[in-house]
Amino acid sequence: MMPFQFSINLDLELRRLLGGFEVVVPSSVIAELETVAAGRKGSEAKAALRLAARYRTYENEGSGDDAVLASAVELGAVLLTNDGGLRRRARRAGLQTICLRGKNHLEIV
């Protein structure tokens, strides 16, 4: 939901960092957004679901950080997350990570 919370143009920022890329959204993330969309932060989650619909969905099993990390490892992907614990785990698994910096741009860390 970061693009909506901080007015980040995700595609432009990823192109700036990576050049060519394909965004892939794990199905477990879609499921989590659907759950959140029904709750208090529903409007941001609904916007995130509309954004996610523009990208390829990667069918994965499980939920939460474990499922996201397993998917990124399987794909050899760069992982976009602001979760510090997930970033550390991804780096230990040999993955690059991207996160929000200064509330206005993304950075490879």
C-alpha atoms as a PDB file:
ATOM      1  CA  MET A   1       0.000   0.000   0.000  1.00  0.00           C
ATOM      2  CA  MET A   2       3.143   2.155   0.037  1.00  0.00           C
ATOM      3  CA  PRO A   3       2.460   3.860  -3.328  1.00  0.00           C
ATOM      4  CA  PHE A   4      -0.771   5.308  -1.931  1.00  0.00           C
ATOM      5  CA  GLN A   5       0.471   6.159   1.542  1.00  0.00           C
ATOM      6  CA  PHE A   6       3.425   8.175   0.207  1.00  0.00           C
ATOM      7  CA  SER A   7       2.355   9.119  -3.354  1.00  0.00           C
ATOM      8  CA  ILE A   8       5.102   7.035  -4.962  1.00  0.00           C
ATOM      9  CA  ASN A   9       4.875   6.306  -8.697  1.00  0.00           C
ATOM     10  CA  LEU A  10       5.900   2.673  -8.442  1.00  0.00           C
ATOM     11  CA  ASP A  11       6.543   2.090 -12.145  1.00  0.00           C
ATOM     12  CA  LEU A  12       8.709   5.205 -12.554  1.00  0.00           C
ATOM     13  CA  GLU A  13      10.724   4.480  -9.419  1.00  0.00           C
ATOM     14  CA  LEU A  14      11.319   0.844 -10.381  1.00  0.00           C
ATOM     15  CA  ARG A  15      12.325   1.858 -13.911  1.00  0.00           C
ATOM     16  CA  ARG A  16      14.758   4.399 -12.430  1.00  0.00           C
ATOM     17  CA  LEU A  17      16.338   1.716 -10.236  1.00  0.00           C
ATOM     18  CA  LEU A  18      16.169  -1.361 -12.428  1.00  0.00           C
ATOM     19  CA  GLY A  19      15.732  -0.313 -16.046  1.00  0.00           C
ATOM     20  CA  GLY A  20      13.688  -3.170 -17.493  1.00  0.00           C
ATOM     21  CA  PHE A  21      11.632  -5.185 -15.045  1.00  0.00           C
ATOM     22  CA  GLU A  22       8.497  -7.246 -14.567  1.00  0.00           C
ATOM     23  CA  VAL A  23       6.432  -6.786 -11.429  1.00  0.00           C
ATOM     24  CA  VAL A  24       5.122 -10.049 -10.013  1.00  0.00           C
ATOM     25  CA  VAL A  25       2.668 -10.117  -7.115  1.00  0.00           C
ATOM     26  CA  PRO A  26       2.396 -13.345  -5.089  1.00  0.00           C
ATOM     27  CA  SER A  27      -1.152 -14.635  -4.747  1.00  0.00           C
ATOM     28  CA  SER A  28      -0.663 -14.621  -0.965  1.00  0.00           C
ATOM     29  CA  VAL A  29      -0.241 -10.832  -1.129  1.00  0.00           C
ATOM     30  CA  ILE A  30      -3.456 -10.535  -3.156  1.00  0.00           C
ATOM     31  CA  ALA A  31      -5.266 -12.628  -0.530  1.00  0.00           C
ATOM     32  CA  GLU A  32      -3.932 -10.451   2.303  1.00  0.00           C
ATOM     33  CA  LEU A  33      -4.985  -7.268   0.488  1.00  0.00           C
ATOM     34  CA  GLU A  34      -8.470  -8.698  -0.025  1.00  0.00           C
ATOM     35  CA  THR A  35      -8.733  -9.324   3.716  1.00  0.00           C
ATOM     36  CA  VAL A  36      -7.521  -5.824   4.576  1.00  0.00           C
ATOM     37  CA  ALA A  37      -9.862  -4.304   1.954  1.00  0.00           C
ATOM     38  CA  ALA A  38     -12.798  -5.477   4.047  1.00  0.00           C
ATOM     39  CA  GLY A  39     -11.454  -3.760   7.174  1.00  0.00           C
ATOM     40  CA  ARG A  40     -10.541  -0.338   8.498  1.00  0.00           C
ATOM     41  CA  LYS A  41      -7.814   0.403   5.920  1.00  0.00           C
ATOM     42  CA  GLY A  42     -10.046  -0.786   3.138  1.00  0.00           C
ATOM     43  CA  SER A  43      -9.634   2.125   0.741  1.00  0.00           C
ATOM     44  CA  GLU A  44      -5.834   1.815   0.525  1.00  0.00           C
ATOM     45  CA  ALA A  45      -6.055  -1.959   0.142  1.00  0.00           C
ATOM     46  CA  LYS A  46      -8.662  -1.619  -2.614  1.00  0.00           C
ATOM     47  CA  ALA A  47      -6.383   0.810  -4.449  1.00  0.00           C
ATOM     48  CA  ALA A  48      -3.479  -1.613  -3.983  1.00  0.00           C
ATOM     49  CA  LEU A  49      -5.604  -4.421  -5.443  1.00  0.00           C
ATOM     50  CA  ARG A  50      -6.374  -2.281  -8.502  1.00  0.00           C
ATOM     51  CA  LEU A  51      -2.648  -1.597  -8.924  1.00  0.00           C
ATOM     52  CA  ALA A  52      -1.754  -5.272  -8.423  1.00  0.00           C
ATOM     53  CA  ALA A  53      -4.238  -6.248 -11.144  1.00  0.00           C
ATOM     54  CA  ARG A  54      -1.935  -4.536 -13.672  1.00  0.00           C
ATOM     55  CA  TYR A  55       0.846  -7.014 -12.904  1.00  0.00           C
ATOM     56  CA  ARG A  56       1.368 -10.750 -13.190  1.00  0.00           C
ATOM     57  CA  THR A  57       0.114 -12.822 -10.265  1.00  0.00           C
ATOM     58  CA  TYR A  58       2.447 -15.590  -9.101  1.00  0.00           C
ATOM     59  CA  GLU A  59       0.522 -18.491  -7.582  1.00  0.00           C
ATOM     60  CA  ASN A  60       2.113 -19.442  -4.294  1.00  0.00           C
ATOM     61  CA  GLU A  61       1.126 -21.331  -1.177  1.00  0.00           C
ATOM     62  CA  GLY A  62       1.065 -20.192   2.404  1.00  0.00           C
ATOM     63  CA  SER A  63       0.686 -16.714   3.779  1.00  0.00           C
ATOM     64  CA  GLY A  64       2.652 -13.886   5.278  1.00  0.00           C
ATOM     65  CA  ASP A  65       6.339 -13.162   5.003  1.00  0.00           C
ATOM     66  CA  ASP A  66       7.351 -16.813   4.622  1.00  0.00           C
ATOM     67  CA  ALA A  67       5.251 -17.170   1.463  1.00  0.00           C
ATOM     68  CA  VAL A  68       6.479 -13.875   0.004  1.00  0.00           C
ATOM     69  CA  LEU A  69      10.119 -14.741   0.674  1.00  0.00           C
ATOM     70  CA  ALA A  70       9.757 -18.259  -0.739  1.00  0.00           C
ATOM     71  CA  SER A  71       8.230 -16.817  -3.917  1.00  0.00           C
ATOM     72  CA  ALA A  72      11.011 -14.253  -4.304  1.00  0.00           C
ATOM     73  CA  VAL A  73      13.653 -16.964  -3.853  1.00  0.00           C
ATOM     74  CA  GLU A  74      11.923 -19.252  -6.385  1.00  0.00           C
ATOM     75  CA  LEU A  75      11.801 -16.419  -8.923  1.00  0.00           C
ATOM     76  CA  GLY A  76      15.223 -14.957  -8.119  1.00  0.00           C
ATOM     77  CA  ALA A  77      13.394 -11.657  -7.732  1.00  0.00           C
ATOM     78  CA  VAL A  78      14.288  -8.314  -6.229  1.00  0.00           C
ATOM     79  CA  LEU A  79      11.963  -7.943  -3.229  1.00  0.00           C
ATOM     80  CA  LEU A  80      10.124  -4.653  -2.623  1.00  0.00           C
ATOM     81  CA  THR A  81       9.256  -4.274   1.072  1.00  0.00           C
ATOM     82  CA  ASN A  82       9.482  -1.810   3.933  1.00  0.00           C
ATOM     83  CA  ASP A  83       9.490  -4.630   6.495  1.00  0.00           C
ATOM     84  CA  GLY A  84      12.959  -4.588   8.057  1.00  0.00           C
ATOM     85  CA  GLY A  85      12.796  -8.192   9.220  1.00  0.00           C
ATOM     86  CA  LEU A  86      11.746  -9.421   5.790  1.00  0.00           C
ATOM     87  CA  ARG A  87      14.534  -7.367   4.146  1.00  0.00           C
ATOM     88  CA  ARG A  88      17.137  -8.984   6.434  1.00  0.00           C
ATOM     89  CA  ARG A  89      15.809 -12.463   5.680  1.00  0.00           C
ATOM     90  CA  ALA A  90      15.806 -11.721   1.944  1.00  0.00           C
ATOM     91  CA  ARG A  91      19.403 -10.500   2.020  1.00  0.00           C
ATOM     92  CA  ARG A  92      20.453 -13.637   3.949  1.00  0.00           C
ATOM     93  CA  ALA A  93      18.784 -15.627   1.157  1.00  0.00           C
ATOM     94  CA  GLY A  94      20.914 -13.763  -1.405  1.00  0.00           C
ATOM     95  CA  LEU A  95      18.201 -11.448  -2.733  1.00  0.00           C
ATOM     96  CA  GLN A  96      18.385  -7.739  -3.407  1.00  0.00           C
ATOM     97  CA  THR A  97      15.710  -5.638  -1.752  1.00  0.00           C
ATOM     98  CA  ILE A  98      14.068  -2.303  -2.496  1.00  0.00           C
ATOM     99  CA  CYS A  99      12.475  -0.095   0.139  1.00  0.00           C
ATOM    100  CA  LEU A 100      11.109   3.402   0.631  1.00  0.00           C
ATOM    101  CA  ARG A 101      13.614   6.125   1.549  1.00  0.00           C
ATOM    102  CA  GLY A 102      12.796   9.652   2.622  1.00  0.00           C
ATOM    103  CA  LYS A 103       9.068   9.044   2.070  1.00  0.00           C
ATOM    104  CA  ASN A 104       9.508  10.084  -1.557  1.00  0.00           C
ATOM    105  CA  HIS A 105      11.649   7.551  -3.438  1.00  0.00           C
ATOM    106  CA  LEU A 106      12.677   3.914  -3.554  1.00  0.00           C
ATOM    107  CA  GLU A 107      16.198   2.631  -2.980  1.00  0.00           C
ATOM    108  CA  ILE A 108      17.989  -0.682  -3.459  1.00  0.00           C
ATOM    109  CA  VAL A 109      19.357  -1.753  -0.072  1.00  0.00           C
END
